[in-house]
Amino acid sequence: MIQFGNNIITIKDEMYQVVRTFQESQLNNPDYNLLKKYFKCDNVFRNKGIMYFCRHIPCIDYKEIKDDD
């Protein structure tokens, strides 16, 4: 897991906006689907005892425009 700035992480070449983090010990039998809806997130990751509620940042395809002088 690579962290950029305060709230962007990269996992397997995909970028995610971190919306909320919790210590795993704070959550007792959580309903992850309900929490994802509440935080408007589409992914939950766990790393070193911390739960990351995230939104996927889609990668865009683009074509470079060159000036043909």
PDB file of N, CA and C in Angstrom:
ATOM      1  N   MET A   1       0.854  -1.163   0.000  1.00  0.00           N
ATOM      2  CA  MET A   1       0.000   0.000   0.000  1.00  0.00           C
ATOM      3  C   MET A   1       0.905   1.231   0.000  1.00  0.00           C
ATOM      4  N   ILE A   2       0.742   2.085  -0.981  1.00  0.00           N
ATOM      5  CA  ILE A   2       1.494   3.333  -1.075  1.00  0.00           C
ATOM      6  C   ILE A   2       0.548   4.482  -0.800  1.00  0.00           C
ATOM      7  N   GLN A   3       0.982   5.429   0.029  1.00  0.00           N
ATOM      8  CA  GLN A   3       0.114   6.555   0.378  1.00  0.00           C
ATOM      9  C   GLN A   3       0.635   7.821  -0.279  1.00  0.00           C
ATOM     10  N   PHE A   4      -0.255   8.553  -0.968  1.00  0.00           N
ATOM     11  CA  PHE A   4       0.045   9.831  -1.583  1.00  0.00           C
ATOM     12  C   PHE A   4      -0.703  10.914  -0.828  1.00  0.00           C
ATOM     13  N   GLY A   5       0.005  11.920  -0.340  1.00  0.00           N
ATOM     14  CA  GLY A   5      -0.681  13.000   0.356  1.00  0.00           C
ATOM     15  C   GLY A   5      -1.407  12.479   1.579  1.00  0.00           C
ATOM     16  N   ASN A   6      -2.520  13.105   1.888  1.00  0.00           N
ATOM     17  CA  ASN A   6      -3.255  12.740   3.090  1.00  0.00           C
ATOM     18  C   ASN A   6      -4.327  11.691   2.870  1.00  0.00           C
ATOM     19  N   ASN A   7      -4.887  11.620   1.665  1.00  0.00           N
ATOM     20  CA  ASN A   7      -6.056  10.747   1.539  1.00  0.00           C
ATOM     21  C   ASN A   7      -6.119   9.953   0.247  1.00  0.00           C
ATOM     22  N   ILE A   8      -5.008   9.721  -0.432  1.00  0.00           N
ATOM     23  CA  ILE A   8      -4.981   8.894  -1.635  1.00  0.00           C
ATOM     24  C   ILE A   8      -4.010   7.746  -1.393  1.00  0.00           C
ATOM     25  N   ILE A   9      -4.465   6.507  -1.660  1.00  0.00           N
ATOM     26  CA  ILE A   9      -3.588   5.350  -1.557  1.00  0.00           C
ATOM     27  C   ILE A   9      -3.596   4.612  -2.886  1.00  0.00           C
ATOM     28  N   THR A  10      -2.541   3.856  -3.130  1.00  0.00           N
ATOM     29  CA  THR A  10      -2.428   3.040  -4.333  1.00  0.00           C
ATOM     30  C   THR A  10      -2.278   1.585  -3.923  1.00  0.00           C
ATOM     31  N   ILE A  11      -3.115   0.733  -4.508  1.00  0.00           N
ATOM     32  CA  ILE A  11      -3.059  -0.702  -4.265  1.00  0.00           C
ATOM     33  C   ILE A  11      -3.103  -1.383  -5.618  1.00  0.00           C
ATOM     34  N   LYS A  12      -2.053  -2.151  -5.928  1.00  0.00           N
ATOM     35  CA  LYS A  12      -1.954  -2.872  -7.210  1.00  0.00           C
ATOM     36  C   LYS A  12      -2.217  -1.940  -8.393  1.00  0.00           C
ATOM     37  N   ASP A  13      -1.523  -0.818  -8.443  1.00  0.00           N
ATOM     38  CA  ASP A  13      -1.607   0.167  -9.526  1.00  0.00           C
ATOM     39  C   ASP A  13      -2.978   0.820  -9.674  1.00  0.00           C
ATOM     40  N   GLU A  14      -3.822   0.704  -8.683  1.00  0.00           N
ATOM     41  CA  GLU A  14      -5.123   1.379  -8.678  1.00  0.00           C
ATOM     42  C   GLU A  14      -5.116   2.408  -7.559  1.00  0.00           C
ATOM     43  N   MET A  15      -5.732   3.569  -7.802  1.00  0.00           N
ATOM     44  CA  MET A  15      -5.756   4.631  -6.801  1.00  0.00           C
ATOM     45  C   MET A  15      -7.123   4.703  -6.125  1.00  0.00           C
ATOM     46  N   TYR A  16      -7.083   5.027  -4.815  1.00  0.00           N
ATOM     47  CA  TYR A  16      -8.295   5.113  -4.011  1.00  0.00           C
ATOM     48  C   TYR A  16      -8.229   6.351  -3.126  1.00  0.00           C
ATOM     49  N   GLN A  17      -9.376   7.004  -2.978  1.00  0.00           N
ATOM     50  CA  GLN A  17      -9.506   8.119  -2.047  1.00  0.00           C
ATOM     51  C   GLN A  17      -9.956   7.547  -0.707  1.00  0.00           C
ATOM     52  N   VAL A  18      -9.188   7.812   0.334  1.00  0.00           N
ATOM     53  CA  VAL A  18      -9.548   7.335   1.672  1.00  0.00           C
ATOM     54  C   VAL A  18     -10.551   8.307   2.273  1.00  0.00           C
ATOM     55  N   VAL A  19     -11.730   7.793   2.589  1.00  0.00           N
ATOM     56  CA  VAL A  19     -12.798   8.611   3.147  1.00  0.00           C
ATOM     57  C   VAL A  19     -12.768   8.560   4.673  1.00  0.00           C
ATOM     58  N   ARG A  20     -12.519   7.375   5.219  1.00  0.00           N
ATOM     59  CA  ARG A  20     -12.558   7.203   6.676  1.00  0.00           C
ATOM     60  C   ARG A  20     -11.673   6.030   7.069  1.00  0.00           C
ATOM     61  N   THR A  21     -11.011   6.140   8.199  1.00  0.00           N
ATOM     62  CA  THR A  21     -10.233   5.031   8.735  1.00  0.00           C
ATOM     63  C   THR A  21     -10.694   4.752  10.159  1.00  0.00           C
ATOM     64  N   PHE A  22     -10.586   3.484  10.546  1.00  0.00           N
ATOM     65  CA  PHE A  22     -10.914   3.039  11.899  1.00  0.00           C
ATOM     66  C   PHE A  22      -9.870   2.035  12.338  1.00  0.00           C
ATOM     67  N   GLN A  23      -9.571   2.028  13.629  1.00  0.00           N
ATOM     68  CA  GLN A  23      -8.816   0.920  14.188  1.00  0.00           C
ATOM     69  C   GLN A  23      -9.730  -0.301  14.138  1.00  0.00           C
ATOM     70  N   GLU A  24      -9.188  -1.414  13.733  1.00  0.00           N
ATOM     71  CA  GLU A  24     -10.000  -2.625  13.625  1.00  0.00           C
ATOM     72  C   GLU A  24     -10.654  -2.975  14.959  1.00  0.00           C
ATOM     73  N   SER A  25      -9.998  -2.661  16.056  1.00  0.00           N
ATOM     74  CA  SER A  25     -10.533  -2.967  17.384  1.00  0.00           C
ATOM     75  C   SER A  25     -11.747  -2.103  17.747  1.00  0.00           C
ATOM     76  N   GLN A  26     -11.950  -0.978  17.046  1.00  0.00           N
ATOM     77  CA  GLN A  26     -13.107  -0.105  17.311  1.00  0.00           C
ATOM     78  C   GLN A  26     -14.403  -0.693  16.756  1.00  0.00           C
ATOM     79  N   LEU A  27     -14.282  -1.557  15.765  1.00  0.00           N
ATOM     80  CA  LEU A  27     -15.465  -2.103  15.112  1.00  0.00           C
ATOM     81  C   LEU A  27     -15.742  -3.497  15.646  1.00  0.00           C
ATOM     82  N   ASN A  28     -16.906  -3.667  16.249  1.00  0.00           N
ATOM     83  CA  ASN A  28     -17.298  -4.949  16.810  1.00  0.00           C
ATOM     84  C   ASN A  28     -18.384  -5.563  15.942  1.00  0.00           C
ATOM     85  N   ASN A  29     -18.028  -6.567  15.157  1.00  0.00           N
ATOM     86  CA  ASN A  29     -18.973  -7.243  14.256  1.00  0.00           C
ATOM     87  C   ASN A  29     -19.658  -6.256  13.303  1.00  0.00           C
ATOM     88  N   PRO A  30     -18.901  -5.500  12.530  1.00  0.00           N
ATOM     89  CA  PRO A  30     -19.506  -4.465  11.682  1.00  0.00           C
ATOM     90  C   PRO A  30     -20.207  -5.031  10.460  1.00  0.00           C
ATOM     91  N   ASP A  31     -21.204  -4.329  10.002  1.00  0.00           N
ATOM     92  CA  ASP A  31     -21.854  -4.626   8.718  1.00  0.00           C
ATOM     93  C   ASP A  31     -21.171  -3.741   7.678  1.00  0.00           C
ATOM     94  N   TYR A  32     -20.193  -4.296   6.965  1.00  0.00           N
ATOM     95  CA  TYR A  32     -19.383  -3.508   6.037  1.00  0.00           C
ATOM     96  C   TYR A  32     -20.204  -2.922   4.898  1.00  0.00           C
ATOM     97  N   ASN A  33     -21.201  -3.641   4.428  1.00  0.00           N
ATOM     98  CA  ASN A  33     -22.047  -3.099   3.354  1.00  0.00           C
ATOM     99  C   ASN A  33     -22.807  -1.864   3.822  1.00  0.00           C
ATOM    100  N   LEU A  34     -23.301  -1.891   5.036  1.00  0.00           N
ATOM    101  CA  LEU A  34     -24.006  -0.733   5.599  1.00  0.00           C
ATOM    102  C   LEU A  34     -23.038   0.447   5.774  1.00  0.00           C
ATOM    103  N   LEU A  35     -21.843   0.187   6.291  1.00  0.00           N
ATOM    104  CA  LEU A  35     -20.851   1.249   6.467  1.00  0.00           C
ATOM    105  C   LEU A  35     -20.391   1.823   5.137  1.00  0.00           C
ATOM    106  N   LYS A  36     -20.237   0.973   4.114  1.00  0.00           N
ATOM    107  CA  LYS A  36     -19.856   1.472   2.790  1.00  0.00           C
ATOM    108  C   LYS A  36     -20.933   2.392   2.227  1.00  0.00           C
ATOM    109  N   LYS A  37     -22.204   2.044   2.429  1.00  0.00           N
ATOM    110  CA  LYS A  37     -23.286   2.925   1.977  1.00  0.00           C
ATOM    111  C   LYS A  37     -23.283   4.233   2.757  1.00  0.00           C
ATOM    112  N   TYR A  38     -23.078   4.166   4.050  1.00  0.00           N
ATOM    113  CA  TYR A  38     -23.092   5.359   4.902  1.00  0.00           C
ATOM    114  C   TYR A  38     -21.977   6.332   4.506  1.00  0.00           C
ATOM    115  N   PHE A  39     -20.777   5.802   4.245  1.00  0.00           N
ATOM    116  CA  PHE A  39     -19.642   6.647   3.876  1.00  0.00           C
ATOM    117  C   PHE A  39     -19.535   6.878   2.367  1.00  0.00           C
ATOM    118  N   LYS A  40     -20.489   6.310   1.606  1.00  0.00           N
ATOM    119  CA  LYS A  40     -20.485   6.422   0.135  1.00  0.00           C
ATOM    120  C   LYS A  40     -19.166   5.923  -0.449  1.00  0.00           C
ATOM    121  N   CYS A  41     -18.766   4.740  -0.013  1.00  0.00           N
ATOM    122  CA  CYS A  41     -17.519   4.112  -0.452  1.00  0.00           C
ATOM    123  C   CYS A  41     -17.830   2.840  -1.230  1.00  0.00           C
ATOM    124  N   ASP A  42     -16.865   2.419  -2.030  1.00  0.00           N
ATOM    125  CA  ASP A  42     -17.066   1.176  -2.765  1.00  0.00           C
ATOM    126  C   ASP A  42     -16.060   0.088  -2.394  1.00  0.00           C
ATOM    127  N   ASN A  43     -15.087   0.414  -1.540  1.00  0.00           N
ATOM    128  CA  ASN A  43     -14.079  -0.561  -1.133  1.00  0.00           C
ATOM    129  C   ASN A  43     -13.707  -0.370   0.332  1.00  0.00           C
ATOM    130  N   VAL A  44     -13.372  -1.501   0.976  1.00  0.00           N
ATOM    131  CA  VAL A  44     -12.846  -1.478   2.335  1.00  0.00           C
ATOM    132  C   VAL A  44     -11.568  -2.310   2.323  1.00  0.00           C
ATOM    133  N   PHE A  45     -10.488  -1.742   2.857  1.00  0.00           N
ATOM    134  CA  PHE A  45      -9.210  -2.441   2.930  1.00  0.00           C
ATOM    135  C   PHE A  45      -8.760  -2.505   4.380  1.00  0.00           C
ATOM    136  N   ARG A  46      -7.965  -3.524   4.679  1.00  0.00           N
ATOM    137  CA  ARG A  46      -7.435  -3.707   6.022  1.00  0.00           C
ATOM    138  C   ARG A  46      -5.912  -3.789   5.905  1.00  0.00           C
ATOM    139  N   ASN A  47      -5.222  -3.020   6.758  1.00  0.00           N
ATOM    140  CA  ASN A  47      -3.761  -3.067   6.762  1.00  0.00           C
ATOM    141  C   ASN A  47      -3.259  -2.695   8.152  1.00  0.00           C
ATOM    142  N   LYS A  48      -2.505  -3.589   8.761  1.00  0.00           N
ATOM    143  CA  LYS A  48      -1.884  -3.362  10.065  1.00  0.00           C
ATOM    144  C   LYS A  48      -2.891  -2.891  11.118  1.00  0.00           C
ATOM    145  N   GLY A  49      -4.052  -3.531  11.149  1.00  0.00           N
ATOM    146  CA  GLY A  49      -5.051  -3.228  12.168  1.00  0.00           C
ATOM    147  C   GLY A  49      -5.895  -2.005  11.899  1.00  0.00           C
ATOM    148  N   ILE A  50      -5.771  -1.421  10.706  1.00  0.00           N
ATOM    149  CA  ILE A  50      -6.562  -0.241  10.357  1.00  0.00           C
ATOM    150  C   ILE A  50      -7.466  -0.588   9.181  1.00  0.00           C
ATOM    151  N   MET A  51      -8.735  -0.190   9.275  1.00  0.00           N
ATOM    152  CA  MET A  51      -9.700  -0.379   8.198  1.00  0.00           C
ATOM    153  C   MET A  51      -9.797   0.915   7.398  1.00  0.00           C
ATOM    154  N   TYR A  52      -9.669   0.819   6.089  1.00  0.00           N
ATOM    155  CA  TYR A  52      -9.725   1.974   5.194  1.00  0.00           C
ATOM    156  C   TYR A  52     -10.997   1.895   4.366  1.00  0.00           C
ATOM    157  N   PHE A  53     -11.878   2.859   4.507  1.00  0.00           N
ATOM    158  CA  PHE A  53     -13.084   2.956   3.691  1.00  0.00           C
ATOM    159  C   PHE A  53     -12.758   3.917   2.546  1.00  0.00           C
ATOM    160  N   CYS A  54     -12.832   3.407   1.318  1.00  0.00           N
ATOM    161  CA  CYS A  54     -12.285   4.134   0.166  1.00  0.00           C
ATOM    162  C   CYS A  54     -13.241   4.191  -1.016  1.00  0.00           C
ATOM    163  N   ARG A  55     -12.976   5.179  -1.869  1.00  0.00           N
ATOM    164  CA  ARG A  55     -13.638   5.303  -3.175  1.00  0.00           C
ATOM    165  C   ARG A  55     -12.586   5.085  -4.251  1.00  0.00           C
ATOM    166  N   HIS A  56     -12.915   4.231  -5.205  1.00  0.00           N
ATOM    167  CA  HIS A  56     -11.994   3.953  -6.302  1.00  0.00           C
ATOM    168  C   HIS A  56     -11.890   5.172  -7.214  1.00  0.00           C
ATOM    169  N   ILE A  57     -10.683   5.513  -7.622  1.00  0.00           N
ATOM    170  CA  ILE A  57     -10.452   6.592  -8.582  1.00  0.00           C
ATOM    171  C   ILE A  57     -10.220   5.934  -9.934  1.00  0.00           C
ATOM    172  N   PRO A  58     -11.159   6.069 -10.867  1.00  0.00           N
ATOM    173  CA  PRO A  58     -11.014   5.374 -12.148  1.00  0.00           C
ATOM    174  C   PRO A  58      -9.830   5.920 -12.950  1.00  0.00           C
ATOM    175  N   CYS A  59      -9.189   5.018 -13.635  1.00  0.00           N
ATOM    176  CA  CYS A  59      -8.090   5.386 -14.518  1.00  0.00           C
ATOM    177  C   CYS A  59      -8.705   5.720 -15.882  1.00  0.00           C
ATOM    178  N   ILE A  60      -8.266   6.799 -16.468  1.00  0.00           N
ATOM    179  CA  ILE A  60      -8.839   7.194 -17.757  1.00  0.00           C
ATOM    180  C   ILE A  60      -7.860   6.889 -18.888  1.00  0.00           C
ATOM    181  N   ASP A  61      -8.400   6.555 -20.025  1.00  0.00           N
ATOM    182  CA  ASP A  61      -7.608   6.398 -21.236  1.00  0.00           C
ATOM    183  C   ASP A  61      -7.626   7.735 -21.952  1.00  0.00           C
ATOM    184  N   TYR A  62      -6.494   8.114 -22.451  1.00  0.00           N
ATOM    185  CA  TYR A  62      -6.429   9.397 -23.150  1.00  0.00           C
ATOM    186  C   TYR A  62      -5.504   9.258 -24.351  1.00  0.00           C
ATOM    187  N   LYS A  63      -5.668  10.156 -25.265  1.00  0.00           N
ATOM    188  CA  LYS A  63      -4.818  10.196 -26.444  1.00  0.00           C
ATOM    189  C   LYS A  63      -4.151  11.562 -26.464  1.00  0.00           C
ATOM    190  N   GLU A  64      -2.830  11.550 -26.557  1.00  0.00           N
ATOM    191  CA  GLU A  64      -2.081  12.785 -26.548  1.00  0.00           C
ATOM    192  C   GLU A  64      -2.298  13.527 -27.858  1.00  0.00           C
ATOM    193  N   ILE A  65      -2.582  14.803 -27.759  1.00  0.00           N
ATOM    194  CA  ILE A  65      -2.788  15.643 -28.937  1.00  0.00           C
ATOM    195  C   ILE A  65      -1.467  16.338 -29.231  1.00  0.00           C
ATOM    196  N   LYS A  66      -0.984  16.125 -30.452  1.00  0.00           N
ATOM    197  CA  LYS A  66       0.283  16.723 -30.847  1.00  0.00           C
ATOM    198  C   LYS A  66       0.037  17.819 -31.870  1.00  0.00           C
ATOM    199  N   ASP A  67       0.813  18.844 -31.766  1.00  0.00           N
ATOM    200  CA  ASP A  67       0.752  19.956 -32.716  1.00  0.00           C
ATOM    201  C   ASP A  67       1.575  19.586 -33.941  1.00  0.00           C
ATOM    202  N   ASP A  68       0.949  19.453 -35.102  1.00  0.00           N
ATOM    203  CA  ASP A  68       1.630  19.047 -36.337  1.00  0.00           C
ATOM    204  C   ASP A  68       2.060  20.240 -37.148  1.00  0.00           C
ATOM    205  N   ASP A  69       3.022  21.003 -36.656  1.00  0.00           N
ATOM    206  CA  ASP A  69       3.501  22.169 -37.411  1.00  0.00           C
ATOM    207  C   ASP A  69       4.455  21.774 -38.497  1.00  0.00           C
TER     208      ASP A  69
END
